Protein backbone atom coordinates (compact mmCIF):
# COMPACT_ATOMS: atom_id res chain seq x y z
CA MET A 1 13.19 -35.99 -0.60
CA THR A 2 16.33 -34.01 -1.41
CA ASN A 3 19.72 -34.11 0.31
CA ILE A 4 21.93 -31.07 0.65
CA LEU A 5 25.55 -31.38 1.77
CA VAL A 6 26.73 -28.52 3.97
CA SER A 7 30.47 -28.64 4.52
CA ASP A 8 32.63 -26.48 6.76
CA ALA A 9 29.73 -24.23 7.71
CA GLU A 10 29.48 -22.47 11.05
CA THR A 11 26.45 -23.17 13.23
CA LYS A 12 25.16 -19.67 12.45
CA THR A 13 25.39 -20.38 8.71
CA LYS A 14 23.68 -23.76 9.06
CA ASN A 15 20.86 -22.19 11.07
CA LEU A 16 20.42 -19.50 8.42
CA LEU A 17 20.26 -22.20 5.75
CA MET A 18 17.57 -24.08 7.72
CA LYS A 19 15.54 -20.90 8.12
CA CYS A 20 15.84 -20.12 4.38
CA LEU A 21 14.75 -23.64 3.45
CA GLU A 22 11.75 -23.47 5.79
CA THR A 23 10.80 -20.02 4.47
CA GLY A 24 11.05 -21.44 0.95
CA GLY A 25 8.44 -24.08 1.79
CA PHE A 26 10.71 -27.00 2.62
CA GLU A 27 10.51 -29.18 5.69
CA VAL A 28 13.86 -30.18 7.17
CA ILE A 29 13.76 -33.91 7.99
CA ILE A 30 17.26 -34.88 9.16
CA THR A 31 20.48 -33.01 9.77
CA GLU A 32 23.56 -35.05 10.58
CA ASN A 33 27.21 -35.14 9.48
CA GLY A 34 26.68 -32.11 7.28
CA LEU A 35 23.84 -33.76 5.33
CA VAL A 36 20.49 -31.98 5.38
CA SER A 37 17.45 -33.90 4.10
CA VAL A 38 14.47 -31.80 3.05
CA HIS A 39 11.22 -32.19 1.18
CA LEU A 40 8.60 -29.76 -0.10
CA LYS A 41 5.72 -29.30 2.32
CA GLN A 42 2.39 -30.58 0.97
CA GLU A 43 0.55 -27.28 1.30
CA ASN A 44 3.08 -25.68 -1.03
CA LEU A 45 2.31 -28.03 -3.88
CA SER A 46 -0.71 -25.93 -4.82
CA THR A 47 1.56 -22.88 -4.88
CA THR A 48 3.69 -24.68 -7.43
CA THR A 49 0.60 -25.29 -9.55
CA GLU A 50 -0.33 -21.60 -9.28
CA SER A 51 3.22 -20.74 -10.28
CA GLU A 52 2.97 -23.01 -13.30
CA LYS A 53 -0.27 -21.27 -14.29
CA SER A 54 1.41 -17.90 -13.98
CA ASN A 55 4.29 -19.10 -16.18
CA THR A 56 1.90 -18.96 -19.14
CA LEU A 57 1.17 -15.35 -18.26
CA ARG A 58 4.85 -14.60 -17.72
CA THR A 59 5.87 -15.79 -21.16
CA SER A 60 3.40 -13.37 -22.69
CA ILE A 61 4.59 -10.45 -20.56
CA PHE A 62 8.34 -10.92 -20.24
CA PRO A 63 10.52 -11.18 -23.34
CA SER A 64 12.64 -14.28 -23.82
CA ILE A 65 16.09 -12.86 -23.13
CA PRO A 66 18.42 -15.42 -21.53
CA ARG A 67 20.60 -12.78 -19.83
CA LEU A 68 17.50 -11.44 -18.05
CA SER A 69 15.74 -14.70 -17.22
CA GLU A 70 16.81 -14.53 -13.56
CA VAL A 71 15.59 -10.94 -13.32
CA PHE A 72 12.18 -11.83 -14.75
CA GLU A 73 11.95 -14.97 -12.62
CA PHE A 74 12.62 -12.92 -9.48
CA ILE A 75 9.95 -10.40 -10.48
CA GLU A 76 7.51 -13.23 -11.22
CA LEU A 77 8.03 -14.84 -7.84
CA ASN A 78 7.95 -11.59 -5.85
CA TYR A 79 5.79 -8.99 -7.67
CA HIS A 80 3.03 -9.43 -5.08
CA GLN A 81 5.40 -8.15 -2.37
CA SER A 82 7.09 -4.82 -1.88
CA ILE A 83 10.14 -5.17 -4.12
CA ARG A 84 12.46 -2.54 -5.47
CA LEU A 85 15.35 -2.38 -7.90
CA LYS A 86 17.83 -2.94 -5.05
CA GLU A 87 16.28 -6.31 -4.10
CA VAL A 88 16.13 -7.46 -7.72
CA ALA A 89 19.77 -6.48 -8.27
CA GLN A 90 20.90 -8.28 -5.10
CA ALA A 91 18.96 -11.41 -6.07
CA VAL A 92 20.70 -11.67 -9.44
CA GLY A 93 24.12 -10.51 -8.25
CA TYR A 94 24.36 -7.18 -10.07
CA SER A 95 24.68 -3.63 -8.86
CA SER A 96 21.53 -1.54 -9.21
CA ALA A 97 23.21 0.74 -11.75
CA TYR A 98 24.43 -2.14 -13.93
CA LEU A 99 21.06 -3.91 -13.81
CA THR A 100 19.22 -0.70 -14.70
CA ASP A 101 21.48 -0.16 -17.71
CA LEU A 102 21.32 -3.80 -18.83
CA VAL A 103 17.53 -4.10 -18.63
CA ARG A 104 16.96 -0.76 -20.34
CA ARG A 105 19.45 -1.58 -23.09
CA LEU A 106 17.95 -5.03 -23.78
CA THR A 107 14.24 -4.22 -23.35
CA GLY A 108 13.79 -0.47 -23.59
CA LYS A 109 12.11 -0.51 -20.14
CA THR A 110 13.28 -0.20 -16.57
CA VAL A 111 13.15 -2.90 -13.90
CA ASN A 112 10.43 -0.88 -12.18
CA ASN A 113 8.41 -0.76 -15.42
CA TRP A 114 8.54 -4.56 -15.57
CA ILE A 115 7.40 -4.88 -11.94
CA ILE A 116 4.51 -2.50 -12.59
CA GLU A 117 3.59 -4.26 -15.83
CA ARG A 118 3.49 -7.65 -14.09
CA ARG A 119 1.35 -6.27 -11.25
CA ILE A 120 -1.08 -4.60 -13.65
CA ALA A 121 -1.33 -7.80 -15.73
CA GLU A 122 -2.22 -9.83 -12.63
CA ALA A 123 -4.63 -7.15 -11.43
CA SER A 124 -6.36 -7.25 -14.83
CA THR A 125 -6.72 -11.02 -14.60
CA LEU A 126 -8.14 -10.78 -11.07
CA LEU A 127 -10.53 -8.00 -12.09
CA LEU A 128 -11.94 -10.21 -14.83
CA GLU A 129 -11.91 -13.57 -13.04
CA THR A 130 -12.95 -12.64 -9.50
CA ASN A 131 -15.44 -10.42 -7.75
CA ASP A 132 -12.80 -9.17 -5.31
CA SER A 133 -12.89 -5.46 -4.63
CA VAL A 134 -10.38 -3.26 -6.42
CA ASP A 135 -8.71 -2.50 -3.09
CA GLU A 136 -8.32 -6.23 -2.30
CA ILE A 137 -6.83 -6.83 -5.73
CA ALA A 138 -4.39 -3.95 -5.33
CA LEU A 139 -3.12 -5.46 -2.09
CA LYS A 140 -2.89 -8.96 -3.63
CA VAL A 141 -0.67 -7.75 -6.45
CA GLY A 142 1.77 -5.93 -4.19
CA TYR A 143 0.54 -2.39 -3.74
CA GLN A 144 0.58 -1.00 -0.21
CA ASN A 145 -0.81 2.34 -1.40
CA ILE A 146 -4.21 1.90 -3.07
CA ASN A 147 -4.08 5.37 -4.67
CA HIS A 148 -0.75 4.50 -6.29
CA PHE A 149 -2.37 1.39 -7.79
CA TYR A 150 -5.25 3.47 -9.18
CA CYS A 151 -2.81 5.95 -10.76
CA GLN A 152 -0.65 3.24 -12.35
CA PHE A 153 -3.67 1.30 -13.60
CA ARG A 154 -5.15 4.47 -15.09
CA ASP A 155 -1.81 5.32 -16.75
CA TYR A 156 -1.69 1.85 -18.29
CA TYR A 157 -5.34 1.41 -19.37
CA LYS A 158 -6.54 5.04 -19.52
CA ASN A 159 -9.41 4.00 -17.24
CA THR A 160 -10.04 3.27 -13.57
CA PRO A 161 -9.88 -0.38 -12.50
CA ARG A 162 -13.62 -0.52 -11.74
CA ALA A 163 -14.65 1.09 -15.03
CA TRP A 164 -12.19 -1.12 -16.94
CA ARG A 165 -13.68 -4.24 -15.31
CA GLU A 166 -17.22 -3.20 -16.22
CA THR A 167 -16.25 -2.42 -19.81
CA GLN A 168 -14.37 -5.69 -20.26
CA ARG A 169 -17.17 -7.74 -18.74
CA SER A 170 -19.82 -6.05 -20.86
CA HIS A 171 -17.76 -6.72 -24.02
CA ALA A 172 -17.44 -10.36 -23.00
CA LEU A 173 -21.24 -10.66 -22.93
CA LEU A 174 -21.60 -9.45 -26.52
């Protein structure tokens, strides 16, 4: 259980905090005298384990640049949703223009390139480790437009997702 002290907050602010905590997977136990007691809901513990598994993948995809660790962490936690540069910039407290310049200067890629790269990496893993359809995988990794996923996957691997899966699986058998 964790305690959070909320001082001099309006009721509206406190309610927003409660909603954010609940959305983040916490259960609010007690709120009195500005002290909020919370604990992580049990069903979210498996999500933490999945997140730990993906940390191995993240270290191989994202470079270790301390100034960008928050950026990459945000992408890691949200790549499966519809996220754009604006949301990433807001999450780390930078303007979109500054973040674009910083990421490009330090990595040679854009924020959007990193989002795409993370989605394609997860899609590749799912293509190899599951029998889910390509369309299901595209949705799982954050694409709302299946054709856009096909185009980006083809740009990255020079092959369609289905053909890439078949090739990779046949090589694994040899």
